Amino acid sequence: MATLIGLSIRVLLLRALPSRYKVTVEVSEGTHVSEHAVNKQLADKERVAAALENKNLVQIINQCVA
């Protein structure tokens, strides 16, 4: 669930901000059991791009940011 929330926040920022801005989304230390794994997934550009190619996941993200 934390990965989905982080991915939704990242997508919202990418859509809202000009492309000249670098977007970094991280889970704060001590706030999640698997914060390191979630941060690693959110920082990996290839994983984010692959997630955004998944039509089902994009629909869920669109519902989250709507």
Foldseek 3Di string as FASTA:
>chain_A
DVLLVQLLVQVVCVVPDPPVDDDAGADDPPPDPPRVVSNVQRVDPVNSVVQCVDPVSVVVSVVVND
